[in-house]
Amino acid sequence: MRRKARQAALRALYRREFLDLPPEELLAEAELPKEAQEFALSLIRGVLTHQPEIDQVIEARAEGWGLDRLPRVDRNILRLGLYELLYTETPPEVVINEAVELGKLYGTDRAPAVVNAILDRVWKERRNGKMG
């Protein structure tokens, strides 16, 4: 259920790159059970609320790749993963695994490796007290 919600949230965040619509409208086409719909909406709202901070985290760690150089899908997979990693109680191993799976399904060829590297680095920095 949560995987389908994450997939729907990713599609909605990608649509947001082109259409400035509220989360409910971005998610309107997704056919999800009520609980999955609520989880997807919470992810979208969370990413949008914390996007400036999340984008700074990506920018600082995407070595050789500015945020604007990352493919849109990959960038949104990272945003979704970082939101869950930094602002929710989802176990880090689950967050990283789910984000890598999204990268395999929807991202570019490099997405799984880039997503794994950045999320793992942020998780370790946070665990070791090197990140706020």
Protein backbone atom coordinates (compact mmCIF):
# COMPACT_ATOMS: atom_id res chain seq x y z
CA MET A 1 0.00 0.00 0.00
CA ARG A 2 2.74 2.47 0.93
CA ARG A 3 4.77 1.64 -2.17
CA LYS A 4 1.80 2.48 -4.41
CA ALA A 5 1.30 5.70 -2.41
CA ARG A 6 4.97 6.63 -2.90
CA GLN A 7 4.67 5.96 -6.64
CA ALA A 8 1.58 8.17 -6.83
CA ALA A 9 3.32 10.88 -4.79
CA LEU A 10 6.32 10.77 -7.12
CA ARG A 11 4.10 11.13 -10.19
CA ALA A 12 2.33 14.06 -8.52
CA LEU A 13 5.62 15.77 -7.63
CA TYR A 14 6.80 15.30 -11.20
CA ARG A 15 3.56 16.86 -12.50
CA ARG A 16 4.17 19.75 -10.10
CA GLU A 17 7.30 20.59 -12.13
CA PHE A 18 4.94 21.62 -14.95
CA LEU A 19 1.64 22.50 -13.25
CA ASP A 20 1.30 24.65 -10.17
CA LEU A 21 -1.64 22.75 -8.71
CA PRO A 22 -2.58 21.89 -5.13
CA PRO A 23 -1.57 18.40 -3.91
CA GLU A 24 -5.15 17.09 -4.08
CA GLU A 25 -5.41 17.99 -7.76
CA LEU A 26 -1.97 16.59 -8.55
CA LEU A 27 -3.07 13.30 -7.00
CA ALA A 28 -6.60 13.30 -8.43
CA GLU A 29 -5.87 10.74 -11.15
CA ALA A 30 -4.35 8.21 -8.76
CA GLU A 31 -6.73 5.43 -7.88
CA LEU A 32 -5.68 4.58 -4.35
CA PRO A 33 -7.47 3.25 -1.30
CA LYS A 34 -8.28 6.00 1.22
CA GLU A 35 -5.34 5.18 3.53
CA ALA A 36 -2.86 5.17 0.63
CA GLN A 37 -4.33 8.41 -0.70
CA GLU A 38 -3.85 10.07 2.70
CA PHE A 39 -0.26 8.80 2.95
CA ALA A 40 0.53 10.04 -0.58
CA LEU A 41 -0.96 13.45 0.22
CA SER A 42 1.09 13.67 3.41
CA LEU A 43 4.25 12.93 1.41
CA ILE A 44 3.46 15.52 -1.25
CA ARG A 45 2.57 18.19 1.31
CA GLY A 46 5.70 17.38 3.31
CA VAL A 47 7.99 17.64 0.31
CA LEU A 48 6.41 20.93 -0.78
CA THR A 49 6.60 22.37 2.74
CA HIS A 50 10.26 21.44 3.21
CA GLN A 51 11.40 21.72 -0.41
CA PRO A 52 13.84 24.63 0.13
CA GLU A 53 15.70 22.72 2.88
CA ILE A 54 15.54 19.43 0.97
CA ASP A 55 16.88 21.08 -2.18
CA GLN A 56 19.79 22.52 -0.19
CA VAL A 57 20.63 19.03 1.07
CA ILE A 58 20.58 17.69 -2.50
CA GLU A 59 22.61 20.62 -3.85
CA ALA A 60 25.29 20.16 -1.19
CA ARG A 61 25.67 16.43 -1.87
CA ALA A 62 25.04 15.98 -5.59
CA GLU A 63 28.72 16.29 -6.40
CA GLY A 64 29.24 17.59 -9.91
CA TRP A 65 25.49 17.80 -10.41
CA GLY A 66 23.68 20.96 -9.51
CA LEU A 67 20.05 20.54 -8.57
CA ASP A 68 19.02 21.95 -11.95
CA ARG A 69 21.23 19.42 -13.77
CA LEU A 70 19.59 16.41 -12.15
CA PRO A 71 16.86 14.88 -14.29
CA ARG A 72 13.42 15.93 -13.01
CA VAL A 73 12.33 12.44 -12.04
CA ASP A 74 15.58 11.70 -10.19
CA ARG A 75 15.37 15.05 -8.40
CA ASN A 76 11.85 14.28 -7.21
CA ILE A 77 12.78 10.77 -6.08
CA LEU A 78 15.50 12.38 -3.95
CA ARG A 79 13.07 14.97 -2.59
CA LEU A 80 10.61 12.28 -1.62
CA GLY A 81 13.30 10.11 -0.01
CA LEU A 82 14.88 12.99 1.85
CA TYR A 83 11.53 14.17 3.16
CA GLU A 84 10.82 10.72 4.58
CA LEU A 85 14.36 10.33 5.90
CA LEU A 86 14.54 13.73 7.61
CA TYR A 87 10.97 14.49 8.64
CA THR A 88 9.17 11.19 9.31
CA GLU A 89 9.54 8.17 11.55
CA THR A 90 9.91 5.73 8.65
CA PRO A 91 13.01 3.57 9.28
CA PRO A 92 15.96 4.83 7.21
CA GLU A 93 16.58 1.40 5.65
CA VAL A 94 12.99 1.36 4.39
CA VAL A 95 13.22 4.92 3.04
CA ILE A 96 16.44 4.20 1.16
CA ASN A 97 15.20 0.89 -0.24
CA GLU A 98 11.89 2.40 -1.39
CA ALA A 99 13.61 5.39 -3.01
CA VAL A 100 16.08 3.12 -4.84
CA GLU A 101 13.14 1.02 -6.08
CA LEU A 102 11.44 4.19 -7.35
CA GLY A 103 14.71 5.03 -9.10
CA LYS A 104 14.76 1.62 -10.80
CA LEU A 105 11.14 1.94 -11.92
CA TYR A 106 10.96 5.59 -12.96
CA GLY A 107 14.39 7.19 -12.89
CA THR A 108 17.28 7.40 -15.29
CA ASP A 109 19.87 4.63 -15.50
CA ARG A 110 21.97 6.42 -12.88
CA ALA A 111 19.06 7.11 -10.52
CA PRO A 112 19.33 4.04 -8.26
CA ALA A 113 23.04 4.63 -7.59
CA VAL A 114 22.70 8.41 -7.14
CA VAL A 115 19.64 8.08 -4.89
CA ASN A 116 21.29 5.38 -2.80
CA ALA A 117 24.53 7.34 -2.43
CA ILE A 118 22.91 10.62 -1.39
CA LEU A 119 20.32 9.13 0.97
CA ASP A 120 22.88 6.83 2.58
CA ARG A 121 25.29 9.73 3.07
CA VAL A 122 22.61 11.93 4.66
CA TRP A 123 21.48 9.08 6.91
CA LYS A 124 25.06 8.44 8.11
CA GLU A 125 25.71 12.17 8.63
CA ARG A 126 22.55 12.48 10.68
CA ARG A 127 23.27 9.33 12.69
CA ASN A 128 26.78 10.58 13.46
CA GLY A 129 25.51 14.02 14.49
CA LYS A 130 27.12 15.82 11.56
CA MET A 131 23.85 17.16 10.26
CA GLY A 132 21.21 19.32 11.94
